[in-house]
N, C-alpha and C. Protein backbone atom coordinates (compact mmCIF):
# COMPACT_ATOMS: atom_id res chain seq x y z
N MET A 1 -7.42 12.35 9.38
CA MET A 1 -7.32 11.28 8.39
C MET A 1 -5.91 11.22 7.81
N LEU A 2 -5.24 12.33 7.70
CA LEU A 2 -3.89 12.34 7.16
C LEU A 2 -2.95 11.50 8.02
N ASP A 3 -3.17 11.48 9.33
CA ASP A 3 -2.33 10.67 10.20
C ASP A 3 -2.43 9.20 9.83
N ARG A 4 -3.61 8.74 9.48
CA ARG A 4 -3.78 7.34 9.08
C ARG A 4 -3.03 7.04 7.79
N ALA A 5 -3.10 7.95 6.85
CA ALA A 5 -2.38 7.77 5.58
C ALA A 5 -0.88 7.72 5.83
N ASP A 6 -0.39 8.56 6.73
CA ASP A 6 1.04 8.54 7.05
C ASP A 6 1.44 7.21 7.69
N ASP A 7 0.58 6.67 8.54
CA ASP A 7 0.86 5.38 9.16
C ASP A 7 0.84 4.26 8.13
N LEU A 8 -0.13 4.30 7.23
CA LEU A 8 -0.21 3.27 6.18
C LEU A 8 0.99 3.34 5.24
N ALA A 9 1.49 4.53 4.98
CA ALA A 9 2.60 4.71 4.05
C ALA A 9 3.85 3.97 4.51
N LYS A 10 3.97 3.71 5.80
CA LYS A 10 5.15 3.05 6.34
C LYS A 10 5.09 1.53 6.25
N LEU A 11 3.93 0.98 5.95
CA LEU A 11 3.77 -0.47 5.89
C LEU A 11 4.48 -1.06 4.67
N THR A 12 4.99 -2.25 4.83
CA THR A 12 5.61 -2.98 3.72
C THR A 12 4.62 -4.02 3.22
N VAL A 13 4.38 -4.02 1.92
CA VAL A 13 3.45 -4.96 1.28
C VAL A 13 4.16 -5.59 0.08
N GLN A 14 3.52 -6.58 -0.52
CA GLN A 14 4.07 -7.19 -1.73
C GLN A 14 3.36 -6.63 -2.94
N ASP A 15 4.14 -6.33 -3.99
CA ASP A 15 3.54 -5.85 -5.23
C ASP A 15 3.07 -7.04 -6.06
N GLU A 16 2.59 -6.78 -7.25
CA GLU A 16 2.06 -7.83 -8.11
C GLU A 16 3.10 -8.85 -8.54
N HIS A 17 4.38 -8.55 -8.34
CA HIS A 17 5.46 -9.47 -8.69
C HIS A 17 6.04 -10.17 -7.46
N GLY A 18 5.46 -9.93 -6.28
CA GLY A 18 5.91 -10.56 -5.06
C GLY A 18 7.06 -9.85 -4.38
N ARG A 19 7.45 -8.69 -4.87
CA ARG A 19 8.53 -7.91 -4.26
C ARG A 19 8.00 -7.07 -3.12
N SER A 20 8.79 -6.91 -2.07
CA SER A 20 8.40 -6.06 -0.95
C SER A 20 8.59 -4.60 -1.32
N VAL A 21 7.55 -3.80 -1.10
CA VAL A 21 7.60 -2.37 -1.36
C VAL A 21 6.95 -1.64 -0.20
N GLU A 22 7.38 -0.40 0.05
CA GLU A 22 6.74 0.42 1.05
C GLU A 22 5.46 0.98 0.44
N LEU A 23 4.35 0.81 1.14
CA LEU A 23 3.05 1.18 0.59
C LEU A 23 3.02 2.64 0.14
N GLY A 24 3.62 3.53 0.88
CA GLY A 24 3.62 4.95 0.53
C GLY A 24 4.33 5.25 -0.78
N SER A 25 5.24 4.38 -1.20
CA SER A 25 5.94 4.61 -2.46
C SER A 25 5.00 4.47 -3.66
N LEU A 26 3.88 3.79 -3.47
CA LEU A 26 2.93 3.61 -4.57
C LEU A 26 2.18 4.88 -4.90
N TRP A 27 2.02 5.78 -3.93
CA TRP A 27 1.32 7.04 -4.20
C TRP A 27 2.24 8.25 -4.09
N ALA A 28 3.54 8.03 -4.15
CA ALA A 28 4.50 9.14 -4.05
C ALA A 28 4.42 10.08 -5.25
N ASP A 29 4.17 9.53 -6.43
CA ASP A 29 4.18 10.34 -7.66
C ASP A 29 2.80 10.64 -8.23
N HIS A 30 1.80 9.83 -7.87
CA HIS A 30 0.46 10.03 -8.41
C HIS A 30 -0.57 9.38 -7.48
N ALA A 31 -1.80 9.70 -7.69
CA ALA A 31 -2.88 9.14 -6.88
C ALA A 31 -3.09 7.66 -7.22
N ILE A 32 -3.55 6.89 -6.24
CA ILE A 32 -3.83 5.48 -6.47
C ILE A 32 -5.21 5.14 -5.91
N VAL A 33 -5.73 3.99 -6.33
CA VAL A 33 -6.91 3.39 -5.72
C VAL A 33 -6.39 2.18 -4.97
N LEU A 34 -6.65 2.14 -3.68
CA LEU A 34 -6.15 1.07 -2.84
C LEU A 34 -7.31 0.18 -2.42
N ALA A 35 -7.24 -1.10 -2.78
CA ALA A 35 -8.30 -2.06 -2.44
C ALA A 35 -7.67 -3.22 -1.69
N PHE A 36 -8.29 -3.61 -0.62
CA PHE A 36 -7.82 -4.75 0.16
C PHE A 36 -8.68 -5.96 -0.21
N VAL A 37 -8.02 -7.06 -0.57
CA VAL A 37 -8.71 -8.29 -0.94
C VAL A 37 -8.29 -9.36 0.05
N ARG A 38 -9.24 -10.01 0.63
CA ARG A 38 -8.95 -11.06 1.60
C ARG A 38 -9.13 -12.40 0.90
N HIS A 39 -8.13 -13.24 1.03
CA HIS A 39 -8.17 -14.57 0.40
C HIS A 39 -8.65 -15.59 1.43
N PHE A 40 -9.65 -16.33 1.07
CA PHE A 40 -10.15 -17.39 1.94
C PHE A 40 -9.75 -18.73 1.34
N GLY A 41 -9.33 -19.65 2.18
CA GLY A 41 -9.03 -20.99 1.67
C GLY A 41 -7.84 -21.51 2.22
């Protein structure tokens, strides 16, 4: 399972302000809850 987390950490996503961030940087200092929301429309 750690391999999957390492792969996810390399992905670039947008934060709540629309800025590009590396996903792994969000949990570098503390634990996070990661939820994926799919937008329909």
